[in-house]
Each structure stands twice: as structure tokens, then as C-alpha cells.
């Protein structure tokens, strides 16, 4: 059986917020859950887990969801800004 991932309260909150944001972006774009899952090449169950902000979903699935929504470049820019600060 898989070991459950334990996150800090702040990390868990951030992941749930990311999931809600992905769901909101999907709905604003008029993309159904079924279509989104197909675009991501995954299942609706996995998409639901992403939108619920579950830590058991791979980071790759979260990135794929952001990519389908056109939000992956924002994440890249945020990370680049963070790594270039000294």
C-alpha cells in the first residue's frame, strides 16, 4: 500500500488553493471535466483529485493541467524570478 504524503498545514492549503484555481480556470474557459481529462490524457478521477488539491497526485499531472489551461508559463516565470533573486 502507498504511504500517505504528509504536508504541513500551509503546504496543504496552498495545494488546495492550486486545485481550486485550476478548476476555476477550467470552468471560465468553458472546458468540461471530461474534455479537460481528455486533453490531459488522464481520467476524470485524476482531474477531480487535482481540483481537490490532493497531494497523492503526481506533480506532472498538476503541471499538465496548468499547461492545458495555458498557465504553465506563469509557473515557470514565478520559479525563474525566485531562483534569480539573490
N, C-alpha and C. Protein backbone atom coordinates (compact mmCIF):
# COMPACT_ATOMS: atom_id res chain seq x y z
N UNK A 1 0.84 -1.18 0.00
CA UNK A 1 0.00 0.00 0.00
C UNK A 1 0.89 1.25 0.00
N UNK A 2 0.46 2.27 -0.74
CA UNK A 2 1.22 3.51 -0.82
C UNK A 2 1.22 4.25 0.52
N UNK A 3 2.34 4.85 0.82
CA UNK A 3 2.44 5.67 2.03
C UNK A 3 1.78 7.02 1.75
N UNK A 4 0.97 7.47 2.67
CA UNK A 4 0.32 8.77 2.54
C UNK A 4 1.35 9.88 2.67
N UNK A 5 1.21 10.89 1.85
CA UNK A 5 2.11 12.03 1.90
C UNK A 5 1.60 13.00 2.96
N UNK A 6 2.46 13.36 3.87
CA UNK A 6 2.11 14.29 4.93
C UNK A 6 2.67 15.67 4.60
N UNK A 7 1.80 16.64 4.52
CA UNK A 7 2.22 18.01 4.22
C UNK A 7 1.98 18.90 5.43
N UNK A 8 2.73 19.99 5.50
CA UNK A 8 2.45 20.98 6.53
C UNK A 8 1.10 21.61 6.22
N UNK A 9 0.53 22.25 7.19
CA UNK A 9 -0.77 22.89 7.00
C UNK A 9 -0.72 23.94 5.90
N UNK A 10 0.38 24.70 5.85
CA UNK A 10 0.48 25.74 4.83
C UNK A 10 0.64 25.14 3.43
N UNK A 11 1.40 24.06 3.32
CA UNK A 11 1.57 23.40 2.02
C UNK A 11 0.25 22.77 1.57
N UNK A 12 -0.46 22.16 2.48
CA UNK A 12 -1.76 21.56 2.16
C UNK A 12 -2.74 22.63 1.70
N UNK A 13 -2.74 23.75 2.38
CA UNK A 13 -3.61 24.86 2.00
C UNK A 13 -3.26 25.39 0.61
N UNK A 14 -1.98 25.51 0.32
CA UNK A 14 -1.53 26.00 -0.99
C UNK A 14 -1.93 25.03 -2.09
N UNK A 15 -1.82 23.74 -1.84
CA UNK A 15 -2.19 22.75 -2.84
C UNK A 15 -3.69 22.77 -3.11
N UNK A 16 -4.48 22.93 -2.05
CA UNK A 16 -5.94 23.03 -2.22
C UNK A 16 -6.30 24.28 -3.01
N UNK A 17 -5.60 25.38 -2.74
CA UNK A 17 -5.84 26.62 -3.48
C UNK A 17 -5.48 26.44 -4.95
N UNK A 18 -4.37 25.76 -5.22
CA UNK A 18 -3.98 25.48 -6.60
C UNK A 18 -5.06 24.66 -7.29
N UNK A 19 -5.56 23.64 -6.62
CA UNK A 19 -6.63 22.82 -7.20
C UNK A 19 -7.87 23.62 -7.51
N UNK A 20 -8.29 24.47 -6.58
CA UNK A 20 -9.46 25.32 -6.81
C UNK A 20 -9.22 26.27 -7.98
N UNK A 21 -8.01 26.80 -8.06
CA UNK A 21 -7.66 27.72 -9.15
C UNK A 21 -7.70 27.02 -10.51
N UNK A 22 -7.22 25.80 -10.55
CA UNK A 22 -7.27 25.02 -11.79
C UNK A 22 -8.72 24.79 -12.20
N UNK A 23 -9.55 24.43 -11.24
CA UNK A 23 -10.97 24.20 -11.54
C UNK A 23 -11.64 25.48 -12.03
N UNK A 24 -11.38 26.58 -11.36
CA UNK A 24 -11.97 27.86 -11.75
C UNK A 24 -11.53 28.25 -13.16
N UNK A 25 -10.25 28.09 -13.45
CA UNK A 25 -9.73 28.43 -14.79
C UNK A 25 -10.38 27.54 -15.86
N UNK A 26 -10.54 26.26 -15.54
CA UNK A 26 -11.18 25.34 -16.49
C UNK A 26 -12.60 25.76 -16.79
N UNK A 27 -13.34 26.06 -15.74
CA UNK A 27 -14.75 26.45 -15.90
C UNK A 27 -14.86 27.77 -16.65
N UNK A 28 -14.01 28.74 -16.32
CA UNK A 28 -14.04 30.04 -17.01
C UNK A 28 -13.75 29.90 -18.50
N UNK A 29 -12.98 28.88 -18.86
CA UNK A 29 -12.66 28.64 -20.27
C UNK A 29 -13.73 27.80 -20.96
N UNK A 30 -14.74 27.39 -20.21
CA UNK A 30 -15.82 26.60 -20.77
C UNK A 30 -15.42 25.17 -21.11
N UNK A 31 -14.43 24.65 -20.40
CA UNK A 31 -13.96 23.29 -20.65
C UNK A 31 -14.62 22.36 -19.64
N UNK A 32 -15.30 21.32 -20.13
CA UNK A 32 -15.91 20.36 -19.23
C UNK A 32 -14.83 19.49 -18.59
N UNK A 33 -15.20 18.86 -17.49
CA UNK A 33 -14.25 17.97 -16.81
C UNK A 33 -13.84 16.83 -17.73
N UNK A 34 -14.79 16.30 -18.48
CA UNK A 34 -14.48 15.21 -19.41
C UNK A 34 -13.49 15.66 -20.47
N UNK A 35 -13.74 16.83 -21.06
CA UNK A 35 -12.83 17.35 -22.10
C UNK A 35 -11.45 17.65 -21.53
N UNK A 36 -11.42 18.22 -20.35
CA UNK A 36 -10.15 18.54 -19.71
C UNK A 36 -9.34 17.27 -19.46
N UNK A 37 -9.99 16.24 -18.95
CA UNK A 37 -9.30 14.98 -18.70
C UNK A 37 -8.76 14.40 -20.00
N UNK A 38 -9.54 14.49 -21.07
CA UNK A 38 -9.07 14.00 -22.37
C UNK A 38 -7.87 14.80 -22.86
N UNK A 39 -7.92 16.12 -22.73
CA UNK A 39 -6.80 16.96 -23.14
C UNK A 39 -5.54 16.65 -22.33
N UNK A 40 -5.73 16.27 -21.08
CA UNK A 40 -4.61 15.93 -20.20
C UNK A 40 -4.15 14.49 -20.39
N UNK A 41 -4.91 13.73 -21.15
CA UNK A 41 -4.63 12.30 -21.35
C UNK A 41 -4.64 11.56 -20.01
N UNK A 42 -5.68 11.84 -19.22
CA UNK A 42 -5.85 11.20 -17.92
C UNK A 42 -7.33 10.91 -17.70
N UNK A 43 -7.68 10.55 -16.50
CA UNK A 43 -9.07 10.23 -16.18
C UNK A 43 -9.75 11.39 -15.46
N UNK A 44 -11.08 11.36 -15.45
CA UNK A 44 -11.83 12.37 -14.69
C UNK A 44 -11.55 12.23 -13.20
N UNK A 45 -11.29 11.02 -12.75
CA UNK A 45 -10.98 10.80 -11.33
C UNK A 45 -9.70 11.54 -10.95
N UNK A 46 -8.68 11.42 -11.79
CA UNK A 46 -7.42 12.13 -11.53
C UNK A 46 -7.64 13.64 -11.58
N UNK A 47 -8.39 14.11 -12.56
CA UNK A 47 -8.69 15.55 -12.63
C UNK A 47 -9.41 16.00 -11.37
N UNK A 48 -10.38 15.22 -10.92
CA UNK A 48 -11.08 15.56 -9.68
C UNK A 48 -10.14 15.64 -8.49
N UNK A 49 -9.19 14.74 -8.45
CA UNK A 49 -8.20 14.75 -7.36
C UNK A 49 -7.32 16.00 -7.43
N UNK A 50 -6.98 16.40 -8.65
CA UNK A 50 -6.20 17.63 -8.84
C UNK A 50 -7.01 18.82 -8.37
N UNK A 51 -8.25 18.89 -8.80
CA UNK A 51 -9.10 20.03 -8.45
C UNK A 51 -9.43 20.06 -6.95
N UNK A 52 -9.32 18.91 -6.29
CA UNK A 52 -9.49 18.85 -4.83
C UNK A 52 -8.18 19.16 -4.10
N UNK A 53 -7.08 19.27 -4.86
CA UNK A 53 -5.80 19.60 -4.26
C UNK A 53 -5.19 18.46 -3.47
N UNK A 54 -5.42 17.24 -3.91
CA UNK A 54 -4.87 16.09 -3.18
C UNK A 54 -3.37 15.93 -3.42
N UNK A 55 -2.61 15.68 -2.37
CA UNK A 55 -1.16 15.54 -2.51
C UNK A 55 -0.73 14.22 -3.13
N UNK A 56 -1.64 13.27 -3.26
CA UNK A 56 -1.28 11.96 -3.82
C UNK A 56 -1.15 11.99 -5.34
N UNK A 57 -1.59 13.08 -5.97
CA UNK A 57 -1.49 13.21 -7.43
C UNK A 57 -0.08 13.68 -7.77
N UNK A 58 0.50 13.12 -8.84
CA UNK A 58 1.86 13.49 -9.21
C UNK A 58 1.94 14.95 -9.65
N UNK A 59 3.10 15.53 -9.41
CA UNK A 59 3.34 16.91 -9.82
C UNK A 59 3.17 17.04 -11.33
N UNK A 60 3.53 15.99 -12.06
CA UNK A 60 3.38 16.01 -13.51
C UNK A 60 1.94 16.23 -13.94
N UNK A 61 1.00 15.65 -13.20
CA UNK A 61 -0.41 15.85 -13.53
C UNK A 61 -0.83 17.30 -13.27
N UNK A 62 -0.36 17.87 -12.18
CA UNK A 62 -0.67 19.28 -11.91
C UNK A 62 -0.10 20.18 -13.02
N UNK A 63 1.13 19.91 -13.43
CA UNK A 63 1.76 20.71 -14.49
C UNK A 63 1.01 20.53 -15.81
N UNK A 64 0.58 19.32 -16.09
CA UNK A 64 -0.17 19.07 -17.32
C UNK A 64 -1.47 19.86 -17.32
N UNK A 65 -2.16 19.90 -16.19
CA UNK A 65 -3.40 20.68 -16.08
C UNK A 65 -3.12 22.15 -16.33
N UNK A 66 -2.07 22.67 -15.72
CA UNK A 66 -1.71 24.08 -15.94
C UNK A 66 -1.36 24.33 -17.40
N UNK A 67 -0.68 23.39 -18.01
CA UNK A 67 -0.29 23.51 -19.42
C UNK A 67 -1.51 23.56 -20.33
N UNK A 68 -2.44 22.66 -20.11
CA UNK A 68 -3.67 22.63 -20.92
C UNK A 68 -4.41 23.96 -20.82
N UNK A 69 -4.36 24.57 -19.64
CA UNK A 69 -5.04 25.84 -19.42
C UNK A 69 -4.20 27.04 -19.84
N UNK A 70 -2.99 26.79 -20.30
CA UNK A 70 -2.11 27.88 -20.72
C UNK A 70 -1.48 28.63 -19.56
N UNK A 71 -1.42 28.00 -18.41
CA UNK A 71 -0.88 28.66 -17.22
C UNK A 71 0.50 28.18 -16.82
N UNK A 72 1.07 27.24 -17.57
CA UNK A 72 2.37 26.70 -17.20
C UNK A 72 3.49 27.73 -17.32
N UNK A 73 3.37 28.65 -18.25
CA UNK A 73 4.41 29.68 -18.39
C UNK A 73 4.43 30.61 -17.19
N UNK A 74 3.28 30.85 -16.60
CA UNK A 74 3.23 31.68 -15.39
C UNK A 74 4.02 31.01 -14.27
N UNK A 75 3.83 29.72 -14.12
CA UNK A 75 4.55 28.98 -13.09
C UNK A 75 6.05 29.04 -13.35
N UNK A 76 6.43 28.85 -14.59
CA UNK A 76 7.85 28.93 -14.96
C UNK A 76 8.42 30.30 -14.63
N UNK A 77 7.68 31.35 -14.95
CA UNK A 77 8.15 32.71 -14.67
C UNK A 77 8.30 32.96 -13.17
N UNK A 78 7.37 32.46 -12.39
CA UNK A 78 7.45 32.61 -10.93
C UNK A 78 8.69 31.91 -10.40
N UNK A 79 8.92 30.71 -10.88
CA UNK A 79 10.09 29.95 -10.43
C UNK A 79 11.39 30.61 -10.86
N UNK A 80 11.41 31.13 -12.08
CA UNK A 80 12.61 31.83 -12.55
C UNK A 80 12.89 33.08 -11.72
N UNK A 81 11.83 33.83 -11.40
CA UNK A 81 12.00 35.01 -10.56
C UNK A 81 12.59 34.63 -9.21
N UNK A 82 12.08 33.54 -8.64
CA UNK A 82 12.52 33.11 -7.32
C UNK A 82 13.98 32.67 -7.34
N UNK A 83 14.38 31.98 -8.38
CA UNK A 83 15.75 31.45 -8.43
C UNK A 83 16.78 32.52 -8.81
N UNK A 84 16.32 33.62 -9.38
CA UNK A 84 17.27 34.67 -9.76
C UNK A 84 17.42 35.73 -8.68
N UNK A 85 16.61 35.67 -7.63
CA UNK A 85 16.76 36.61 -6.52
C UNK A 85 17.98 36.23 -5.70
N UNK A 86 18.74 37.23 -5.36
CA UNK A 86 19.93 36.98 -4.53
C UNK A 86 20.01 37.98 -3.42
